[in-house]
Amino acid sequence: VVTWNVGTAMPPNDVTSLLHLNTGETNDVDMIAIGLQEVNSKINKRLKDALFTDQWSELFMDVLSPFHFILVSTVRMQGVILLVFAKYYHLPFLQDIQTDCTRTGLGGYWGNKGGVSVRLSIFGHMVCFLNCHLPAHLEKAEQRKEDFATILHLQQFEGRVANGILDHDLVFWFGDLNFRIESLDICFVKYAIESNALSQLWEKDQLNIAKSTWPVLRGFQEGPLNFPPTFKFDVGTNKYDSSAKKRKPAWTDRILWKIKTPSTGLGAGGPRTRRGVLSVSQLCYCSHMEYTVSDHKPVVAIFAVQFPSKVDKPPVEIYVADEWSRPEQAVVRYKMAVGFHRSSWDWIGLYRVGFRHPKDYVSYVWARSDDGERCLEKQLCAQVMFSEEALPKGNGEYILGYYSNNSSSIAGVTEPFQV
């Protein structure tokens, strides 16, 4: 999980260290959620694709696609953006994807402050990512609490399970939460940072204080703040604010999580019988001082989430030959799981390995065939074919993906094969 207030800056040339792509750790990472605040809201005229209107989203897709990460979902409210990526082979197990956003700026009329969320079912467990930008300034702690409560109250999702944010099995809450350090003067704060006595600042951190006093924060956890405060820096440097305002350094940029409390069963076994259903351990919580385009430093957390899989088969299984060397071999057979709700607008896309998002296909065919209905009723395979014109001209590695219109997600993928 990444949070970064980018202060309307242009993206840097290189974000590999931010995404921990050069450390070997990313081989083990399955999903990445990136929350940005203060992205320049002007529409970028250069972009060909109306789907993504900002250079930050483009940059992250470009950087992550060679590592087999696909953009699962994105939501934007003015300068507040959330992007959720996953390895392509997990896509069929990420279902019920929905987004929401809540404006809290100017009493709810302006989207410069507020929260955006992406929620989804991951192997049958409901998970919500919530990126917030809360009100600034030391004296606004109470307003931050109210805005967070408003966001939790107003965000609602459709479906039988997890209608509100806190109904999810796991919530990641992050962003520029704007909490400050109380009652210590700027000289002491800077002295504590320079002498690496950060623990002296923890107890005066407004969010740490609030965790024990605000009911709305009950159950939210956060790792230790073993990195220096991430705000406010002179842009282009690692030097804290030297302007006339001389703002006091603070940990404004935070990443927290909350596991839903199991419903207490009856009898002596009670809640213990559900223990081990879902556990989270934080492997890393750090800031990245090397990025100087903004007056905030980005913050990253890496989590290991363990749970038993409730889903072991994708909604759609696709069968394809190892190689298409002649046009007549471009035949695709597919089978749908019982209970999968197909739509006549479903399609099967042919993707180059390293594709960026579900609409980033080379070509597609509608997922219907003459005998399809009859086959699917009997749980047999349906079959479609790519025409010669639809096939790519060069050689390469490709993947097929079944796009479900009802769930706005890819419900089945193949292993890479040669064309």
Protein backbone atom coordinates (compact mmCIF):
# COMPACT_ATOMS: atom_id res chain seq x y z
CA VAL A 1 0.00 0.00 0.00
CA VAL A 2 1.37 3.41 -1.03
CA THR A 3 0.17 6.87 0.02
CA TRP A 4 1.59 10.08 -1.39
CA ASN A 5 0.44 13.68 -1.40
CA VAL A 6 2.10 14.72 -4.66
CA GLY A 7 1.40 18.46 -4.22
CA THR A 8 0.24 18.99 -7.86
CA ALA A 9 3.75 18.05 -9.07
CA MET A 10 4.56 16.23 -12.29
CA PRO A 11 5.52 12.58 -11.70
CA PRO A 12 9.23 11.77 -11.24
CA ASN A 13 10.98 9.74 -13.94
CA ASP A 14 11.45 6.67 -11.80
CA VAL A 15 9.18 5.10 -9.17
CA THR A 16 10.78 1.66 -9.00
CA SER A 17 12.21 2.16 -5.51
CA LEU A 18 8.86 3.52 -4.28
CA LEU A 19 7.11 0.34 -5.47
CA HIS A 20 9.96 -1.84 -4.14
CA LEU A 21 10.38 -3.26 -7.65
CA ASN A 22 14.16 -3.49 -7.43
CA THR A 23 14.34 -5.38 -4.15
CA GLY A 24 13.11 -8.84 -5.09
CA GLU A 25 10.21 -8.34 -2.66
CA THR A 26 7.78 -7.67 -5.49
CA ASN A 27 8.06 -11.25 -6.70
CA ASP A 28 6.00 -12.09 -3.64
CA VAL A 29 3.61 -9.12 -3.86
CA ASP A 30 0.19 -10.02 -5.28
CA MET A 31 -1.60 -6.68 -5.06
CA ILE A 32 -0.61 -3.00 -4.88
CA ALA A 33 -2.93 -0.17 -3.80
CA ILE A 34 -1.73 3.38 -4.52
CA GLY A 35 -3.47 6.37 -2.93
CA LEU A 36 -2.53 9.81 -4.23
CA GLN A 37 -3.66 13.22 -3.03
CA GLU A 38 -3.38 16.65 -4.69
CA VAL A 39 -2.92 15.26 -8.19
CA ASN A 40 -3.10 18.12 -10.68
CA SER A 41 -6.74 18.06 -11.76
CA LYS A 42 -6.20 19.61 -15.18
CA ILE A 43 -6.97 17.10 -17.89
CA ASN A 44 -3.83 16.09 -19.71
CA LYS A 45 -4.26 16.87 -23.40
CA ARG A 46 -1.44 14.54 -24.46
CA LEU A 47 -3.25 11.34 -23.60
CA LYS A 48 -4.78 9.32 -26.38
CA ASP A 49 -6.94 7.27 -24.04
CA ALA A 50 -9.86 9.08 -22.41
CA LEU A 51 -9.98 6.34 -19.77
CA PHE A 52 -7.07 7.76 -17.78
CA THR A 53 -6.71 11.51 -17.57
CA ASP A 54 -3.65 11.92 -15.42
CA GLN A 55 0.04 11.23 -15.89
CA TRP A 56 0.41 9.58 -12.48
CA SER A 57 -1.99 6.74 -13.35
CA GLU A 58 -0.28 6.32 -16.73
CA LEU A 59 3.13 6.20 -15.07
CA PHE A 60 2.14 3.53 -12.54
CA MET A 61 0.53 1.36 -15.25
CA ASP A 62 3.61 1.68 -17.45
CA VAL A 63 5.98 0.78 -14.62
CA LEU A 64 3.93 -2.10 -13.20
CA SER A 65 2.77 -3.87 -16.39
CA PRO A 66 6.18 -5.49 -17.13
CA PHE A 67 5.93 -7.07 -13.66
CA HIS A 68 2.55 -8.60 -14.66
CA PHE A 69 0.47 -6.18 -12.58
CA ILE A 70 -2.86 -5.17 -14.13
CA LEU A 71 -4.98 -2.20 -13.06
CA VAL A 72 -7.98 -3.86 -11.40
CA SER A 73 -9.90 -0.68 -10.55
CA THR A 74 -9.41 3.05 -10.17
CA VAL A 75 -11.48 5.87 -8.72
CA ARG A 76 -10.84 9.60 -8.83
CA MET A 77 -12.34 12.60 -7.05
CA GLN A 78 -10.58 15.76 -8.23
CA GLY A 79 -7.02 15.41 -6.89
CA VAL A 80 -7.68 12.27 -4.80
CA ILE A 81 -6.96 9.07 -6.75
CA LEU A 82 -6.90 5.40 -5.81
CA LEU A 83 -5.40 2.71 -8.06
CA VAL A 84 -5.57 -1.01 -7.25
CA PHE A 85 -3.30 -3.42 -9.16
CA ALA A 86 -2.99 -7.21 -9.04
CA LYS A 87 -0.96 -9.91 -10.79
CA TYR A 88 -2.94 -10.94 -13.90
CA TYR A 89 -3.44 -14.55 -12.79
CA HIS A 90 -5.36 -13.41 -9.69
CA LEU A 91 -7.91 -11.41 -11.72
CA PRO A 92 -10.58 -14.18 -11.90
CA PHE A 93 -10.54 -14.40 -8.09
CA LEU A 94 -11.11 -10.65 -7.64
CA GLN A 95 -14.83 -10.13 -7.99
CA ASP A 96 -17.65 -7.79 -6.90
CA ILE A 97 -15.47 -4.74 -7.56
CA GLN A 98 -17.15 -1.44 -6.64
CA THR A 99 -15.94 2.11 -6.04
CA ASP A 100 -17.32 5.08 -4.13
CA CYS A 101 -16.27 8.60 -3.24
CA THR A 102 -17.32 11.14 -0.60
CA ARG A 103 -16.64 14.88 -0.82
CA THR A 104 -16.03 16.64 2.49
CA GLY A 105 -14.41 19.89 1.26
CA LEU A 106 -16.51 23.06 1.65
CA GLY A 107 -19.09 21.25 3.75
CA GLY A 108 -19.45 18.38 1.27
CA TYR A 109 -19.58 20.33 -1.99
CA TRP A 110 -15.94 20.18 -3.00
CA GLY A 111 -13.86 17.08 -3.72
CA ASN A 112 -10.45 18.47 -2.78
CA LYS A 113 -10.94 16.72 0.58
CA GLY A 114 -12.75 13.48 1.32
CA GLY A 115 -12.34 9.78 0.64
CA VAL A 116 -12.33 7.40 -2.34
CA SER A 117 -12.61 3.64 -2.04
CA VAL A 118 -12.31 0.43 -4.03
CA ARG A 119 -13.88 -2.64 -2.51
CA LEU A 120 -13.69 -6.18 -3.84
CA SER A 121 -13.93 -9.84 -2.97
CA ILE A 122 -10.45 -11.44 -2.88
CA PHE A 123 -10.70 -15.24 -3.01
CA GLY A 124 -14.10 -14.88 -1.29
CA HIS A 125 -13.02 -12.39 1.44
CA MET A 126 -14.38 -8.82 1.34
CA VAL A 127 -11.60 -6.20 1.37
CA CYS A 128 -11.89 -2.40 1.15
CA PHE A 129 -9.15 0.12 0.30
CA LEU A 130 -9.95 3.67 1.45
CA ASN A 131 -7.77 6.64 0.46
CA CYS A 132 -8.57 9.87 2.33
CA HIS A 133 -7.42 13.48 2.31
CA LEU A 134 -8.57 15.04 5.60
CA PRO A 135 -8.56 18.73 6.68
CA ALA A 136 -5.19 20.39 7.36
CA HIS A 137 -3.82 22.34 10.36
CA LEU A 138 -3.06 21.49 13.98
CA GLU A 139 -6.35 22.74 15.43
CA LYS A 140 -8.58 20.75 13.02
CA ALA A 141 -8.26 17.33 14.75
CA GLU A 142 -11.97 17.31 15.67
CA GLN A 143 -12.91 18.16 12.08
CA ARG A 144 -10.74 15.27 10.85
CA LYS A 145 -12.64 12.91 13.14
CA GLU A 146 -15.99 14.21 11.89
CA ASP A 147 -14.97 13.94 8.24
CA PHE A 148 -13.73 10.38 8.71
CA ALA A 149 -17.00 9.44 10.43
CA THR A 150 -18.93 11.08 7.55
CA ILE A 151 -16.97 9.10 4.94
CA LEU A 152 -17.60 5.83 6.83
CA HIS A 153 -21.30 6.67 7.12
CA LEU A 154 -21.92 7.80 3.52
CA GLN A 155 -20.00 5.15 1.58
CA GLN A 156 -22.36 2.31 0.70
CA PHE A 157 -21.95 -0.62 -1.66
CA GLU A 158 -24.53 -2.80 -3.38
CA GLY A 159 -24.99 -6.51 -2.82
CA ARG A 160 -25.76 -8.99 -0.09
CA VAL A 161 -22.56 -8.57 1.91
CA ALA A 162 -20.40 -5.72 3.18
CA ASN A 163 -22.61 -2.73 2.39
CA GLY A 164 -20.59 -0.30 4.55
CA ILE A 165 -16.81 0.12 4.76
CA LEU A 166 -16.54 -1.39 8.24
CA ASP A 167 -18.60 -4.44 7.16
CA HIS A 168 -15.60 -5.69 5.15
CA ASP A 169 -13.43 -8.50 6.50
CA LEU A 170 -10.40 -6.25 6.08
CA VAL A 171 -10.10 -2.49 5.60
CA PHE A 172 -6.95 -0.61 4.63
CA TRP A 173 -7.30 3.09 5.50
CA PHE A 174 -4.57 5.42 4.27
CA GLY A 175 -3.87 8.84 2.83
CA ASP A 176 -2.91 12.35 3.84
CA LEU A 177 -4.81 12.12 7.12
CA ASN A 178 -3.21 15.41 8.18
CA PHE A 179 -2.78 14.60 11.90
CA ARG A 180 -0.16 16.79 13.58
CA ILE A 181 2.10 16.72 16.65
CA GLU A 182 0.51 18.42 19.66
CA SER A 183 2.04 20.73 22.29
CA LEU A 184 5.74 20.34 21.42
CA ASP A 185 7.52 23.31 19.88
CA ILE A 186 9.20 23.12 16.48
CA CYS A 187 12.73 23.23 17.94
CA PHE A 188 12.10 20.18 20.11
CA VAL A 189 10.41 18.30 17.25
CA LYS A 190 13.38 18.94 14.94
CA TYR A 191 15.84 18.02 17.71
CA ALA A 192 14.00 14.69 18.30
CA ILE A 193 14.09 13.95 14.56
CA GLU A 194 17.79 14.75 14.23
CA SER A 195 18.71 12.65 17.27
CA ASN A 196 16.39 9.84 16.09
CA ALA A 197 14.35 10.02 19.32
CA LEU A 198 11.10 9.58 17.40
CA SER A 199 9.39 7.78 20.28
CA GLN A 200 9.34 11.11 22.15
CA LEU A 201 7.05 12.45 19.45
CA TRP A 202 4.72 9.43 19.21
CA GLU A 203 2.74 10.18 22.34
CA LYS A 204 1.97 13.71 21.09
CA ASP A 205 0.89 12.52 17.65
CA GLN A 206 -2.80 13.38 17.27
CA LEU A 207 -3.70 10.10 15.53
CA ASN A 208 -2.02 8.02 18.25
CA ILE A 209 -3.93 10.00 20.87
CA ALA A 210 -7.18 9.63 18.92
CA LYS A 211 -6.81 5.83 18.60
CA SER A 212 -7.41 5.46 22.33
CA THR A 213 -10.15 8.10 22.63
CA TRP A 214 -12.26 8.07 19.45
CA PRO A 215 -14.79 5.21 19.14
CA VAL A 216 -14.70 5.57 15.32
CA LEU A 217 -11.05 4.41 15.35
CA ARG A 218 -11.64 1.34 17.50
CA GLY A 219 -9.89 -1.69 16.02
CA PHE A 220 -7.68 0.24 13.58
CA GLN A 221 -4.04 -0.82 13.82
CA GLU A 222 -0.83 0.84 12.66
CA GLY A 223 2.81 -0.19 12.73
CA PRO A 224 5.40 1.86 14.67
CA LEU A 225 6.40 5.20 13.10
CA ASN A 226 10.10 4.39 12.79
CA PHE A 227 10.58 6.92 9.98
CA PRO A 228 10.83 10.71 10.35
CA PRO A 229 7.71 12.86 9.87
CA THR A 230 6.81 13.06 6.17
CA PHE A 231 5.59 16.69 6.05
CA LYS A 232 6.48 19.49 5.38
CA PHE A 233 9.61 19.67 3.22
CA ASP A 234 10.99 22.36 0.95
CA VAL A 235 10.25 20.98 -2.52
CA GLY A 236 13.36 19.54 -4.17
CA THR A 237 15.11 18.89 -0.84
CA ASN A 238 15.07 16.77 2.32
CA LYS A 239 14.96 19.92 4.43
CA TYR A 240 11.94 20.69 6.63
CA ASP A 241 9.93 23.84 5.87
CA SER A 242 12.22 26.88 5.88
CA SER A 243 9.55 29.32 4.63
CA ALA A 244 8.23 32.15 6.79
CA LYS A 245 5.41 29.85 7.98
CA LYS A 246 7.93 27.29 9.34
CA ARG A 247 5.36 24.54 9.71
CA LYS A 248 6.09 21.94 12.38
CA PRO A 249 7.04 18.52 10.95
CA ALA A 250 4.27 15.90 11.26
CA TRP A 251 3.33 12.35 10.28
CA THR A 252 0.46 13.42 8.04
CA ASP A 253 0.75 10.44 5.67
CA ARG A 254 -0.39 7.18 7.25
CA ILE A 255 -1.46 3.61 6.52
CA LEU A 256 -3.73 1.72 8.95
CA TRP A 257 -5.72 -1.49 8.78
CA LYS A 258 -8.65 -3.08 10.54
CA ILE A 259 -9.77 -6.70 10.67
CA LYS A 260 -13.49 -7.18 11.15
CA THR A 261 -14.27 -8.55 14.61
CA PRO A 262 -15.70 -12.05 14.19
CA SER A 263 -19.34 -12.33 15.17
CA THR A 264 -19.38 -14.05 18.52
CA GLY A 265 -20.76 -17.56 18.23
CA LEU A 266 -22.72 -19.23 21.03
CA GLY A 267 -21.33 -21.76 23.44
CA ALA A 268 -17.88 -22.26 24.92
CA GLY A 269 -16.23 -22.52 21.51
CA GLY A 270 -17.62 -19.06 20.77
CA PRO A 271 -15.35 -16.66 18.93
CA ARG A 272 -12.36 -18.98 19.17
CA THR A 273 -13.80 -21.28 16.49
CA ARG A 274 -13.32 -18.50 13.93
CA ARG A 275 -9.82 -17.61 14.95
CA GLY A 276 -7.27 -17.87 12.15
CA VAL A 277 -9.85 -16.97 9.52
CA LEU A 278 -7.88 -13.90 8.48
CA SER A 279 -4.62 -12.52 9.86
CA VAL A 280 -2.50 -9.56 8.84
CA SER A 281 1.16 -8.96 9.59
CA GLN A 282 3.01 -5.85 8.53
CA LEU A 283 6.38 -6.60 6.95
CA CYS A 284 7.45 -3.02 6.25
CA TYR A 285 6.31 0.54 7.09
CA CYS A 286 8.62 3.21 5.74
CA SER A 287 8.91 6.55 4.00
CA HIS A 288 10.93 7.27 0.87
CA MET A 289 13.16 10.31 1.37
CA GLU A 290 14.61 10.06 -2.15
CA TYR A 291 11.47 11.60 -3.69
CA THR A 292 11.56 15.40 -3.58
CA VAL A 293 8.95 16.52 -6.16
CA SER A 294 6.43 17.26 -3.39
CA ASP A 295 6.44 18.81 0.10
CA HIS A 296 5.37 15.35 1.39
CA LYS A 297 7.40 12.12 1.34
CA PRO A 298 5.59 9.00 0.12
CA VAL A 299 4.87 6.24 2.66
CA VAL A 300 4.74 2.51 1.87
CA ALA A 301 3.56 -0.50 3.87
CA ILE A 302 3.88 -4.15 2.87
CA PHE A 303 1.48 -6.66 4.41
CA ALA A 304 1.20 -10.43 4.48
CA VAL A 305 -2.49 -11.32 4.63
CA GLN A 306 -3.30 -14.93 5.38
CA PHE A 307 -6.70 -16.53 4.97
CA PRO A 308 -8.18 -19.79 3.74
CA SER A 309 -9.34 -19.45 0.13
CA LYS A 310 -13.12 -19.68 -0.17
CA VAL A 311 -12.86 -19.87 -3.96
CA ASP A 312 -10.62 -22.35 -5.73
CA LYS A 313 -12.03 -22.21 -9.28
CA PRO A 314 -12.39 -19.14 -11.49
CA PRO A 315 -15.91 -18.18 -12.63
CA VAL A 316 -14.88 -18.97 -16.23
CA GLU A 317 -12.30 -21.53 -17.34
CA ILE A 318 -10.74 -20.93 -20.77
CA TYR A 319 -9.03 -23.65 -22.81
CA VAL A 320 -6.63 -22.79 -25.62
CA ALA A 321 -3.83 -24.48 -27.56
CA ASP A 322 -0.21 -23.81 -26.53
CA GLU A 323 0.40 -22.06 -29.83
CA TRP A 324 -1.54 -20.43 -32.65
CA SER A 325 0.70 -20.82 -35.70
CA ARG A 326 -2.13 -20.81 -38.27
CA PRO A 327 -5.36 -18.74 -38.27
CA GLU A 328 -7.59 -21.82 -37.99
CA GLN A 329 -5.99 -22.63 -34.63
CA ALA A 330 -7.41 -19.45 -33.06
CA VAL A 331 -10.20 -21.37 -31.36
CA VAL A 332 -11.22 -20.65 -27.77
CA ARG A 333 -13.29 -22.99 -25.63
CA TYR A 334 -14.65 -21.85 -22.30
CA LYS A 335 -16.78 -23.18 -19.47
CA MET A 336 -18.68 -21.22 -16.84
CA ALA A 337 -19.05 -22.11 -13.19
CA VAL A 338 -22.50 -22.92 -11.84
CA GLY A 339 -24.12 -19.68 -10.68
CA PHE A 340 -22.03 -17.42 -12.92
CA HIS A 341 -24.28 -14.71 -14.34
CA ARG A 342 -23.28 -14.17 -17.94
CA SER A 343 -24.38 -11.26 -20.06
CA SER A 344 -24.75 -10.99 -23.82
CA TRP A 345 -22.19 -8.16 -23.58
CA ASP A 346 -19.41 -10.43 -22.23
CA TRP A 347 -16.35 -10.74 -24.44
CA ILE A 348 -13.02 -12.56 -24.66
CA GLY A 349 -9.98 -10.36 -25.18
CA LEU A 350 -6.62 -11.28 -26.65
CA TYR A 351 -3.97 -9.49 -24.59
CA ARG A 352 -0.26 -9.06 -25.12
CA VAL A 353 1.71 -10.31 -22.08
CA GLY A 354 2.36 -7.17 -20.03
CA PHE A 355 -1.06 -5.58 -20.70
CA ARG A 356 -2.02 -2.67 -18.44
CA HIS A 357 -5.76 -2.88 -17.75
CA PRO A 358 -8.81 -4.97 -18.84
CA LYS A 359 -9.58 -2.76 -21.87
CA ASP A 360 -5.96 -2.92 -23.09
CA TYR A 361 -6.66 -5.77 -25.57
CA VAL A 362 -5.22 -6.38 -29.05
CA SER A 363 -8.58 -7.69 -30.27
CA TYR A 364 -11.70 -9.36 -28.86
CA VAL A 365 -14.65 -11.59 -29.77
CA TRP A 366 -18.10 -11.56 -28.21
CA ALA A 367 -18.45 -14.50 -25.84
CA ARG A 368 -21.42 -16.09 -27.50
CA SER A 369 -21.76 -18.89 -30.00
CA ASP A 370 -24.67 -20.52 -31.80
CA ASP A 371 -24.73 -23.58 -29.60
CA GLY A 372 -23.45 -21.63 -26.61
CA GLU A 373 -26.69 -21.38 -24.65
CA ARG A 374 -27.44 -25.10 -24.94
CA CYS A 375 -23.87 -26.04 -24.01
CA LEU A 376 -23.73 -23.74 -21.04
CA GLU A 377 -26.98 -25.06 -19.60
CA LYS A 378 -25.41 -28.51 -19.53
CA GLN A 379 -22.13 -27.10 -18.20
CA LEU A 380 -20.34 -28.10 -21.40
CA CYS A 381 -17.90 -25.90 -23.22
CA ALA A 382 -18.88 -23.10 -25.52
CA GLN A 383 -16.59 -22.19 -28.39
CA VAL A 384 -15.67 -19.01 -30.25
CA MET A 385 -13.06 -18.20 -32.86
CA PHE A 386 -10.86 -15.20 -33.62
CA SER A 387 -10.96 -14.18 -37.29
CA GLU A 388 -7.72 -13.90 -39.23
CA GLU A 389 -8.11 -10.07 -39.32
CA ALA A 390 -8.33 -9.99 -35.52
CA LEU A 391 -5.02 -11.77 -35.01
CA PRO A 392 -1.84 -9.76 -34.32
CA LYS A 393 0.61 -9.50 -37.20
CA GLY A 394 3.86 -10.11 -35.29
CA ASN A 395 4.90 -13.05 -33.12
CA GLY A 396 4.67 -12.86 -29.36
CA GLU A 397 3.27 -14.11 -26.11
CA TYR A 398 -0.41 -13.54 -25.44
CA ILE A 399 -3.07 -14.21 -22.83
CA LEU A 400 -6.82 -14.64 -23.24
CA GLY A 401 -9.18 -13.07 -20.71
CA TYR A 402 -12.96 -13.43 -20.35
CA TYR A 403 -14.46 -10.02 -19.47
CA SER A 404 -17.69 -10.17 -17.49
CA ASN A 405 -19.91 -7.16 -18.17
CA ASN A 406 -21.95 -7.75 -15.00
CA SER A 407 -18.98 -7.65 -12.65
CA SER A 408 -16.85 -5.24 -14.78
CA SER A 409 -13.90 -7.56 -14.28
CA ILE A 410 -11.96 -10.38 -15.88
CA ALA A 411 -13.56 -13.67 -14.83
CA GLY A 412 -11.09 -16.08 -16.45
CA VAL A 413 -7.57 -15.99 -17.90
CA THR A 414 -5.24 -18.43 -19.65
CA GLU A 415 -1.57 -19.05 -19.17
CA PRO A 416 0.60 -17.19 -21.73
CA PHE A 417 0.73 -18.89 -25.16
CA GLN A 418 2.50 -18.16 -28.44
CA VAL A 419 0.87 -16.52 -31.49
